């Protein structure tokens, strides 16, 4: 059974509001969790208080994002930036522990070098550091494949690559973030891939393809995908990282239908498990 953990990515949603006000807006819209790659302008104490006020969870944050204005999109695979990576990851990890966030995503980034061996060595060294620092905390490292179509030159662009990286550390230490938009952009058959790799997944990002807008604007059939997740007892959050094609509130009109679908499917699963 899927948890009712529908997570608003407030870096994409409710952008018409200041960051702090997006937390309340997410709760009022019917989401039960939030996420943001860099929530640090809100102190951990204030974030925790606001989450408790609205009965929300925080599902994931990023660590070591680097300078977005320079197009870095992360530091984990950038040779020569190891000290910056460690400093930024430690800040994110401390924040995650303070607000009960289960995942920190050290983004791989867009290396300026084409030296594949140096990129791979740097990424492995930095992920090893992240895993070691996270050990003994409730926080797990999260990694994501970001499609070449969306971010040219990103150091980890396919789910197969992400799965191979995960195998170096084990699912107990590193979980996969599967983004439906990036996966479809890479030609992945989502239902089949998730069915075969459900044990790898810690977090899901939802956006339709093409366009990267809300569900129902593109070609992805989301209800069969939800059914696959439920059939494999997925326990993570479902994050909504899409570009609203209209106001955020209007774009989230699908939420009641999704909740109803998940509840109905869960009841059917319980009935199917009853002995004859």
C-alpha atoms as a PDB file:
ATOM      1  CA  UNK A   1       0.000   0.000   0.000  1.00  0.00           C
ATOM      2  CA  UNK A   2       1.320   3.413  -0.902  1.00  0.00           C
ATOM      3  CA  UNK A   3       1.561   5.858   1.979  1.00  0.00           C
ATOM      4  CA  UNK A   4      -0.370   9.049   1.572  1.00  0.00           C
ATOM      5  CA  UNK A   5       2.933  10.901   1.276  1.00  0.00           C
ATOM      6  CA  UNK A   6       2.404  13.276  -1.612  1.00  0.00           C
ATOM      7  CA  UNK A   7       5.299  15.703  -1.585  1.00  0.00           C
ATOM      8  CA  UNK A   8       5.201  19.189  -3.105  1.00  0.00           C
ATOM      9  CA  UNK A   9       8.545  20.270  -4.520  1.00  0.00           C
ATOM     10  CA  UNK A  10       8.372  23.881  -3.429  1.00  0.00           C
ATOM     11  CA  UNK A  11      11.245  24.829  -5.690  1.00  0.00           C
ATOM     12  CA  UNK A  12       8.833  24.244  -8.583  1.00  0.00           C
ATOM     13  CA  UNK A  13       5.404  24.689  -7.031  1.00  0.00           C
ATOM     14  CA  UNK A  14       3.951  27.818  -5.416  1.00  0.00           C
ATOM     15  CA  UNK A  15       6.775  29.946  -6.807  1.00  0.00           C
ATOM     16  CA  UNK A  16       4.411  32.915  -6.775  1.00  0.00           C
ATOM     17  CA  UNK A  17       4.940  32.947  -2.982  1.00  0.00           C
ATOM     18  CA  UNK A  18       7.998  33.542  -0.778  1.00  0.00           C
ATOM     19  CA  UNK A  19       9.660  30.251   0.142  1.00  0.00           C
ATOM     20  CA  UNK A  20       8.431  30.193   3.744  1.00  0.00           C
ATOM     21  CA  UNK A  21       4.806  30.738   2.700  1.00  0.00           C
ATOM     22  CA  UNK A  22       4.954  27.810   0.271  1.00  0.00           C
ATOM     23  CA  UNK A  23       4.895  25.378   3.196  1.00  0.00           C
ATOM     24  CA  UNK A  24       1.424  26.458   4.295  1.00  0.00           C
ATOM     25  CA  UNK A  25       0.266  26.624   0.678  1.00  0.00           C
ATOM     26  CA  UNK A  26       1.330  23.015   0.099  1.00  0.00           C
ATOM     27  CA  UNK A  27      -0.648  21.836   3.119  1.00  0.00           C
ATOM     28  CA  UNK A  28      -3.717  23.804   2.089  1.00  0.00           C
ATOM     29  CA  UNK A  29      -3.553  22.304  -1.419  1.00  0.00           C
ATOM     30  CA  UNK A  30      -3.681  18.761  -0.018  1.00  0.00           C
ATOM     31  CA  UNK A  31      -0.031  17.718  -0.125  1.00  0.00           C
ATOM     32  CA  UNK A  32       1.239  15.845   2.912  1.00  0.00           C
ATOM     33  CA  UNK A  33       4.959  16.557   2.536  1.00  0.00           C
ATOM     34  CA  UNK A  34       7.318  19.067   0.985  1.00  0.00           C
ATOM     35  CA  UNK A  35      10.814  19.008  -0.475  1.00  0.00           C
ATOM     36  CA  UNK A  36      13.317  21.566  -1.701  1.00  0.00           C
ATOM     37  CA  UNK A  37      16.932  21.263  -2.842  1.00  0.00           C
ATOM     38  CA  UNK A  38      18.162  24.233  -0.799  1.00  0.00           C
ATOM     39  CA  UNK A  39      15.764  25.191   1.997  1.00  0.00           C
ATOM     40  CA  UNK A  40      18.521  26.724   4.097  1.00  0.00           C
ATOM     41  CA  UNK A  41      17.188  30.291   4.043  1.00  0.00           C
ATOM     42  CA  UNK A  42      14.622  28.869   6.480  1.00  0.00           C
ATOM     43  CA  UNK A  43      16.381  27.863   9.691  1.00  0.00           C
ATOM     44  CA  UNK A  44      16.042  24.235  10.728  1.00  0.00           C
ATOM     45  CA  UNK A  45      14.157  25.312  13.858  1.00  0.00           C
ATOM     46  CA  UNK A  46      11.672  27.391  11.864  1.00  0.00           C
ATOM     47  CA  UNK A  47      11.264  24.656   9.266  1.00  0.00           C
ATOM     48  CA  UNK A  48      10.571  22.039  11.908  1.00  0.00           C
ATOM     49  CA  UNK A  49       8.045  24.284  13.654  1.00  0.00           C
ATOM     50  CA  UNK A  50       6.212  25.040  10.412  1.00  0.00           C
ATOM     51  CA  UNK A  51       6.105  21.367   9.411  1.00  0.00           C
ATOM     52  CA  UNK A  52       4.670  20.454  12.809  1.00  0.00           C
ATOM     53  CA  UNK A  53       2.153  23.291  12.590  1.00  0.00           C
ATOM     54  CA  UNK A  54       0.709  21.944   9.347  1.00  0.00           C
ATOM     55  CA  UNK A  55       1.261  18.224   9.953  1.00  0.00           C
ATOM     56  CA  UNK A  56       3.694  17.883   7.065  1.00  0.00           C
ATOM     57  CA  UNK A  57       6.840  15.848   6.531  1.00  0.00           C
ATOM     58  CA  UNK A  58       9.900  16.896   4.557  1.00  0.00           C
ATOM     59  CA  UNK A  59      10.822  14.140   2.148  1.00  0.00           C
ATOM     60  CA  UNK A  60      14.202  15.060   0.657  1.00  0.00           C
ATOM     61  CA  UNK A  61      16.697  17.879   0.255  1.00  0.00           C
ATOM     62  CA  UNK A  62      19.798  18.220  -1.876  1.00  0.00           C
ATOM     63  CA  UNK A  63      23.348  18.444  -0.652  1.00  0.00           C
ATOM     64  CA  UNK A  64      26.282  20.128  -2.395  1.00  0.00           C
ATOM     65  CA  UNK A  65      24.344  21.776  -5.212  1.00  0.00           C
ATOM     66  CA  UNK A  66      27.134  24.195  -6.065  1.00  0.00           C
ATOM     67  CA  UNK A  67      26.617  27.405  -7.999  1.00  0.00           C
ATOM     68  CA  UNK A  68      23.445  27.089 -10.057  1.00  0.00           C
ATOM     69  CA  UNK A  69      24.145  30.419 -11.787  1.00  0.00           C
ATOM     70  CA  UNK A  70      27.284  28.840 -13.239  1.00  0.00           C
ATOM     71  CA  UNK A  71      25.362  25.748 -14.316  1.00  0.00           C
ATOM     72  CA  UNK A  72      27.135  23.400 -11.900  1.00  0.00           C
ATOM     73  CA  UNK A  73      23.977  21.475 -10.894  1.00  0.00           C
ATOM     74  CA  UNK A  74      25.894  19.758  -8.123  1.00  0.00           C
ATOM     75  CA  UNK A  75      29.451  19.132  -6.940  1.00  0.00           C
ATOM     76  CA  UNK A  76      29.729  15.385  -6.362  1.00  0.00           C
ATOM     77  CA  UNK A  77      31.382  14.586  -9.721  1.00  0.00           C
ATOM     78  CA  UNK A  78      33.375  17.808 -10.158  1.00  0.00           C
ATOM     79  CA  UNK A  79      37.132  17.168  -9.829  1.00  0.00           C
ATOM     80  CA  UNK A  80      38.863  19.726  -7.640  1.00  0.00           C
ATOM     81  CA  UNK A  81      35.730  20.689  -5.708  1.00  0.00           C
ATOM     82  CA  UNK A  82      35.975  18.019  -3.022  1.00  0.00           C
ATOM     83  CA  UNK A  83      36.402  20.460  -0.125  1.00  0.00           C
ATOM     84  CA  UNK A  84      33.363  22.438  -1.267  1.00  0.00           C
ATOM     85  CA  UNK A  85      31.417  19.207  -1.604  1.00  0.00           C
ATOM     86  CA  UNK A  86      32.205  18.134   1.940  1.00  0.00           C
ATOM     87  CA  UNK A  87      31.313  21.521   3.415  1.00  0.00           C
ATOM     88  CA  UNK A  88      27.972  21.731   1.598  1.00  0.00           C
ATOM     89  CA  UNK A  89      27.064  18.094   2.201  1.00  0.00           C
ATOM     90  CA  UNK A  90      27.744  18.403   5.927  1.00  0.00           C
ATOM     91  CA  UNK A  91      25.484  21.443   6.139  1.00  0.00           C
ATOM     92  CA  UNK A  92      22.695  19.583   4.328  1.00  0.00           C
ATOM     93  CA  UNK A  93      23.114  16.479   6.486  1.00  0.00           C
ATOM     94  CA  UNK A  94      22.934  18.467   9.719  1.00  0.00           C
ATOM     95  CA  UNK A  95      19.811  20.229   8.443  1.00  0.00           C
ATOM     96  CA  UNK A  96      18.194  16.937   7.411  1.00  0.00           C
ATOM     97  CA  UNK A  97      18.794  15.404  10.834  1.00  0.00           C
ATOM     98  CA  UNK A  98      17.328  18.487  12.532  1.00  0.00           C
ATOM     99  CA  UNK A  99      14.094  18.432  10.490  1.00  0.00           C
ATOM    100  CA  UNK A 100      13.640  14.624  10.298  1.00  0.00           C
ATOM    101  CA  UNK A 101      14.300  14.483   6.564  1.00  0.00           C
ATOM    102  CA  UNK A 102      15.101  10.914   5.443  1.00  0.00           C
ATOM    103  CA  UNK A 103      17.191  11.703   2.341  1.00  0.00           C
ATOM    104  CA  UNK A 104      19.962  14.010   1.192  1.00  0.00           C
ATOM    105  CA  UNK A 105      20.648  14.072  -2.533  1.00  0.00           C
ATOM    106  CA  UNK A 106      24.278  14.945  -3.375  1.00  0.00           C
ATOM    107  CA  UNK A 107      23.820  16.078  -6.968  1.00  0.00           C
ATOM    108  CA  UNK A 108      26.451  14.832  -9.428  1.00  0.00           C
ATOM    109  CA  UNK A 109      26.783  18.051 -11.409  1.00  0.00           C
ATOM    110  CA  UNK A 110      28.063  19.056 -14.849  1.00  0.00           C
ATOM    111  CA  UNK A 111      31.852  18.604 -14.958  1.00  0.00           C
ATOM    112  CA  UNK A 112      33.892  20.995 -17.071  1.00  0.00           C
ATOM    113  CA  UNK A 113      36.423  18.275 -17.853  1.00  0.00           C
ATOM    114  CA  UNK A 114      35.890  15.406 -20.296  1.00  0.00           C
ATOM    115  CA  UNK A 115      38.227  13.122 -18.345  1.00  0.00           C
ATOM    116  CA  UNK A 116      35.812  10.279 -17.614  1.00  0.00           C
ATOM    117  CA  UNK A 117      38.182   8.517 -15.229  1.00  0.00           C
ATOM    118  CA  UNK A 118      38.669  11.654 -13.129  1.00  0.00           C
ATOM    119  CA  UNK A 119      34.916  12.276 -13.040  1.00  0.00           C
ATOM    120  CA  UNK A 120      34.171   8.689 -11.960  1.00  0.00           C
ATOM    121  CA  UNK A 121      36.908   8.720  -9.310  1.00  0.00           C
ATOM    122  CA  UNK A 122      35.706  12.039  -7.892  1.00  0.00           C
ATOM    123  CA  UNK A 123      32.098  10.905  -7.794  1.00  0.00           C
ATOM    124  CA  UNK A 124      33.007   7.656  -6.047  1.00  0.00           C
ATOM    125  CA  UNK A 125      35.187   9.457  -3.500  1.00  0.00           C
ATOM    126  CA  UNK A 126      32.520  12.036  -2.704  1.00  0.00           C
ATOM    127  CA  UNK A 127      29.683   9.502  -2.486  1.00  0.00           C
ATOM    128  CA  UNK A 128      31.825   7.377  -0.181  1.00  0.00           C
ATOM    129  CA  UNK A 129      32.300  10.424   2.020  1.00  0.00           C
ATOM    130  CA  UNK A 130      28.545  11.091   2.014  1.00  0.00           C
ATOM    131  CA  UNK A 131      27.739   7.488   2.915  1.00  0.00           C
ATOM    132  CA  UNK A 132      30.296   7.459   5.722  1.00  0.00           C
ATOM    133  CA  UNK A 133      29.036  10.763   7.141  1.00  0.00           C
ATOM    134  CA  UNK A 134      25.428   9.568   6.988  1.00  0.00           C
ATOM    135  CA  UNK A 135      26.165   6.329   8.813  1.00  0.00           C
ATOM    136  CA  UNK A 136      24.698   6.384  12.295  1.00  0.00           C
ATOM    137  CA  UNK A 137      22.088   8.990  11.344  1.00  0.00           C
ATOM    138  CA  UNK A 138      18.499   8.392  10.162  1.00  0.00           C
ATOM    139  CA  UNK A 139      19.456   9.952   6.811  1.00  0.00           C
ATOM    140  CA  UNK A 140      20.252   8.015   3.650  1.00  0.00           C
ATOM    141  CA  UNK A 141      22.032   9.195   0.507  1.00  0.00           C
ATOM    142  CA  UNK A 142      19.798   9.635  -2.544  1.00  0.00           C
ATOM    143  CA  UNK A 143      21.032   9.746  -6.158  1.00  0.00           C
ATOM    144  CA  UNK A 144      19.186  10.678  -9.340  1.00  0.00           C
ATOM    145  CA  UNK A 145      19.682  10.220 -13.068  1.00  0.00           C
ATOM    146  CA  UNK A 146      18.995  13.531 -14.827  1.00  0.00           C
ATOM    147  CA  UNK A 147      18.465  13.184 -18.556  1.00  0.00           C
ATOM    148  CA  UNK A 148      20.856  14.637 -21.088  1.00  0.00           C
ATOM    149  CA  UNK A 149      17.887  16.325 -22.738  1.00  0.00           C
ATOM    150  CA  UNK A 150      17.197  18.337 -19.585  1.00  0.00           C
ATOM    151  CA  UNK A 151      20.759  19.002 -18.387  1.00  0.00           C
ATOM    152  CA  UNK A 152      23.387  18.430 -21.093  1.00  0.00           C
ATOM    153  CA  UNK A 153      26.614  17.055 -19.670  1.00  0.00           C
ATOM    154  CA  UNK A 154      25.153  15.930 -16.338  1.00  0.00           C
ATOM    155  CA  UNK A 155      27.501  13.318 -14.901  1.00  0.00           C
ATOM    156  CA  UNK A 156      24.810  10.681 -14.305  1.00  0.00           C
ATOM    157  CA  UNK A 157      22.115  10.740 -16.953  1.00  0.00           C
ATOM    158  CA  UNK A 158      20.581   7.235 -17.018  1.00  0.00           C
ATOM    159  CA  UNK A 159      18.864   4.940 -14.534  1.00  0.00           C
ATOM    160  CA  UNK A 160      21.153   2.067 -15.520  1.00  0.00           C
ATOM    161  CA  UNK A 161      24.177   4.170 -14.579  1.00  0.00           C
ATOM    162  CA  UNK A 162      22.543   5.137 -11.288  1.00  0.00           C
ATOM    163  CA  UNK A 163      21.789   1.480 -10.509  1.00  0.00           C
ATOM    164  CA  UNK A 164      25.430   0.530 -11.103  1.00  0.00           C
ATOM    165  CA  UNK A 165      26.564   3.291  -8.756  1.00  0.00           C
ATOM    166  CA  UNK A 166      24.057   2.132  -6.145  1.00  0.00           C
ATOM    167  CA  UNK A 167      25.401  -1.417  -6.383  1.00  0.00           C
ATOM    168  CA  UNK A 168      28.799  -0.172  -5.206  1.00  0.00           C
ATOM    169  CA  UNK A 169      27.268   0.867  -1.876  1.00  0.00           C
ATOM    170  CA  UNK A 170      24.101  -1.227  -1.515  1.00  0.00           C
ATOM    171  CA  UNK A 171      20.454  -0.127  -1.272  1.00  0.00           C
ATOM    172  CA  UNK A 172      20.840   0.144   2.498  1.00  0.00           C
ATOM    173  CA  UNK A 173      23.227   3.065   2.039  1.00  0.00           C
ATOM    174  CA  UNK A 174      22.194   4.667  -1.247  1.00  0.00           C
ATOM    175  CA  UNK A 175      18.673   4.875  -2.686  1.00  0.00           C
ATOM    176  CA  UNK A 176      17.534   5.890  -6.149  1.00  0.00           C
ATOM    177  CA  UNK A 177      15.353   8.861  -6.964  1.00  0.00           C
ATOM    178  CA  UNK A 178      13.356   7.969 -10.080  1.00  0.00           C
ATOM    179  CA  UNK A 179      12.037  10.952 -12.032  1.00  0.00           C
ATOM    180  CA  UNK A 180       9.303  10.049 -14.508  1.00  0.00           C
ATOM    181  CA  UNK A 181      10.134  12.942 -16.824  1.00  0.00           C
ATOM    182  CA  UNK A 182      13.845  12.124 -17.084  1.00  0.00           C
ATOM    183  CA  UNK A 183      13.155   8.400 -17.413  1.00  0.00           C
ATOM    184  CA  UNK A 184      10.680   8.877 -20.246  1.00  0.00           C
ATOM    185  CA  UNK A 185      13.023  11.359 -21.947  1.00  0.00           C
ATOM    186  CA  UNK A 186      15.550   8.505 -21.991  1.00  0.00           C
ATOM    187  CA  UNK A 187      13.011   6.072 -23.444  1.00  0.00           C
ATOM    188  CA  UNK A 188      12.560   4.013 -20.269  1.00  0.00           C
ATOM    189  CA  UNK A 189       9.450   1.826 -20.004  1.00  0.00           C
ATOM    190  CA  UNK A 190       8.541   3.044 -16.538  1.00  0.00           C
ATOM    191  CA  UNK A 191       6.204   0.310 -15.330  1.00  0.00           C
ATOM    192  CA  UNK A 192       8.578  -2.479 -16.293  1.00  0.00           C
ATOM    193  CA  UNK A 193      11.652  -0.759 -14.924  1.00  0.00           C
ATOM    194  CA  UNK A 194      10.002   0.019 -11.606  1.00  0.00           C
ATOM    195  CA  UNK A 195       8.634  -3.521 -11.291  1.00  0.00           C
ATOM    196  CA  UNK A 196      12.129  -4.942 -11.814  1.00  0.00           C
ATOM    197  CA  UNK A 197      13.938  -2.391  -9.643  1.00  0.00           C
ATOM    198  CA  UNK A 198      11.422  -1.397  -6.967  1.00  0.00           C
ATOM    199  CA  UNK A 199      13.841  -2.443  -4.210  1.00  0.00           C
ATOM    200  CA  UNK A 200      16.236   0.260  -5.352  1.00  0.00           C
ATOM    201  CA  UNK A 201      13.847   3.208  -5.118  1.00  0.00           C
ATOM    202  CA  UNK A 202      13.664   5.613  -2.195  1.00  0.00           C
ATOM    203  CA  UNK A 203      11.850   8.511  -3.815  1.00  0.00           C
ATOM    204  CA  UNK A 204       9.755   9.198  -6.923  1.00  0.00           C
ATOM    205  CA  UNK A 205       9.476  12.454  -8.845  1.00  0.00           C
ATOM    206  CA  UNK A 206       6.378  13.031 -10.936  1.00  0.00           C
ATOM    207  CA  UNK A 207       6.247  15.176 -14.074  1.00  0.00           C
ATOM    208  CA  UNK A 208       4.629  14.397 -17.390  1.00  0.00           C
ATOM    209  CA  UNK A 209       6.483  14.113 -20.689  1.00  0.00           C
ATOM    210  CA  UNK A 210       6.888  16.003 -22.897  1.00  0.00           C
ATOM    211  CA  UNK A 211       6.735  19.458 -21.371  1.00  0.00           C
ATOM    212  CA  UNK A 212       7.568  18.542 -17.756  1.00  0.00           C
ATOM    213  CA  UNK A 213       4.179  19.805 -16.621  1.00  0.00           C
ATOM    214  CA  UNK A 214       1.609  18.291 -14.244  1.00  0.00           C
ATOM    215  CA  UNK A 215       0.119  14.805 -14.793  1.00  0.00           C
ATOM    216  CA  UNK A 216      -2.381  14.728 -17.616  1.00  0.00           C
ATOM    217  CA  UNK A 217      -0.555  17.172 -19.868  1.00  0.00           C
ATOM    218  CA  UNK A 218       1.642  14.622 -21.634  1.00  0.00           C
ATOM    219  CA  UNK A 219       1.852  10.960 -22.607  1.00  0.00           C
ATOM    220  CA  UNK A 220       2.685   9.176 -19.336  1.00  0.00           C
ATOM    221  CA  UNK A 221      -0.064   6.925 -17.949  1.00  0.00           C
ATOM    222  CA  UNK A 222       0.349   7.481 -14.229  1.00  0.00           C
ATOM    223  CA  UNK A 223      -2.354   5.250 -12.742  1.00  0.00           C
ATOM    224  CA  UNK A 224      -0.728   2.013 -14.001  1.00  0.00           C
ATOM    225  CA  UNK A 225       2.564   3.294 -12.609  1.00  0.00           C
ATOM    226  CA  UNK A 226       0.951   3.936  -9.213  1.00  0.00           C
ATOM    227  CA  UNK A 227      -0.544   0.456  -9.287  1.00  0.00           C
ATOM    228  CA  UNK A 228       2.917  -1.055  -9.860  1.00  0.00           C
ATOM    229  CA  UNK A 229       4.322   0.898  -6.916  1.00  0.00           C
ATOM    230  CA  UNK A 230       1.484  -0.275  -4.681  1.00  0.00           C
ATOM    231  CA  UNK A 231       1.819  -3.882  -5.770  1.00  0.00           C
ATOM    232  CA  UNK A 232       5.461  -3.815  -4.653  1.00  0.00           C
ATOM    233  CA  UNK A 233       4.671  -2.120  -1.314  1.00  0.00           C
ATOM    234  CA  UNK A 234       6.538   1.076  -2.119  1.00  0.00           C
ATOM    235  CA  UNK A 235       6.888   3.044   1.121  1.00  0.00           C
ATOM    236  CA  UNK A 236       8.607   6.214  -0.052  1.00  0.00           C
ATOM    237  CA  UNK A 237       7.250   9.608  -0.957  1.00  0.00           C
ATOM    238  CA  UNK A 238       5.870  10.645  -4.314  1.00  0.00           C
ATOM    239  CA  UNK A 239       7.304  14.049  -5.101  1.00  0.00           C
ATOM    240  CA  UNK A 240       5.768  16.464  -7.576  1.00  0.00           C
ATOM    241  CA  UNK A 241       8.607  18.218  -9.375  1.00  0.00           C
ATOM    242  CA  UNK A 242       6.816  19.645 -12.360  1.00  0.00           C
ATOM    243  CA  UNK A 243       6.477  23.030 -14.034  1.00  0.00           C
ATOM    244  CA  UNK A 244       2.845  24.098 -13.574  1.00  0.00           C
ATOM    245  CA  UNK A 245       1.164  24.849 -16.893  1.00  0.00           C
ATOM    246  CA  UNK A 246      -1.225  27.139 -15.018  1.00  0.00           C
ATOM    247  CA  UNK A 247      -1.407  28.329 -11.419  1.00  0.00           C
ATOM    248  CA  UNK A 248      -0.051  25.801  -8.944  1.00  0.00           C
ATOM    249  CA  UNK A 249      -3.470  25.306  -7.353  1.00  0.00           C
ATOM    250  CA  UNK A 250      -5.146  24.685 -10.705  1.00  0.00           C
ATOM    251  CA  UNK A 251      -2.322  22.377 -11.784  1.00  0.00           C
ATOM    252  CA  UNK A 252      -2.841  20.222  -8.664  1.00  0.00           C
ATOM    253  CA  UNK A 253      -6.476  19.427  -9.479  1.00  0.00           C
ATOM    254  CA  UNK A 254      -5.441  15.785  -9.981  1.00  0.00           C
ATOM    255  CA  UNK A 255      -4.587  15.270  -6.277  1.00  0.00           C
ATOM    256  CA  UNK A 256      -8.052  14.147  -5.041  1.00  0.00           C
ATOM    257  CA  UNK A 257      -8.291  11.675  -7.919  1.00  0.00           C
ATOM    258  CA  UNK A 258      -4.863  10.234  -7.134  1.00  0.00           C
ATOM    259  CA  UNK A 259      -5.730   9.855  -3.459  1.00  0.00           C
ATOM    260  CA  UNK A 260      -8.972   8.101  -4.362  1.00  0.00           C
ATOM    261  CA  UNK A 261      -7.184   5.794  -6.806  1.00  0.00           C
ATOM    262  CA  UNK A 262      -4.572   4.821  -4.217  1.00  0.00           C
ATOM    263  CA  UNK A 263      -7.195   4.191  -1.540  1.00  0.00           C
ATOM    264  CA  UNK A 264      -9.331   2.082  -3.892  1.00  0.00           C
ATOM    265  CA  UNK A 265      -6.341   0.109  -5.107  1.00  0.00           C
ATOM    266  CA  UNK A 266      -5.205  -0.517  -1.527  1.00  0.00           C
ATOM    267  CA  UNK A 267      -8.638  -1.864  -0.566  1.00  0.00           C
ATOM    268  CA  UNK A 268      -8.586  -4.174  -3.567  1.00  0.00           C
ATOM    269  CA  UNK A 269      -5.137  -5.452  -2.615  1.00  0.00           C
ATOM    270  CA  UNK A 270      -6.340  -6.262   0.909  1.00  0.00           C
ATOM    271  CA  UNK A 271      -9.323  -8.146  -0.502  1.00  0.00           C
ATOM    272  CA  UNK A 272      -7.096 -10.074  -2.893  1.00  0.00           C
ATOM    273  CA  UNK A 273      -4.868 -11.166  -0.001  1.00  0.00           C
ATOM    274  CA  UNK A 274      -7.741 -12.579   2.040  1.00  0.00           C
ATOM    275  CA  UNK A 275      -7.806 -16.386   2.138  1.00  0.00           C
ATOM    276  CA  UNK A 276     -10.565 -17.956   0.058  1.00  0.00           C
END
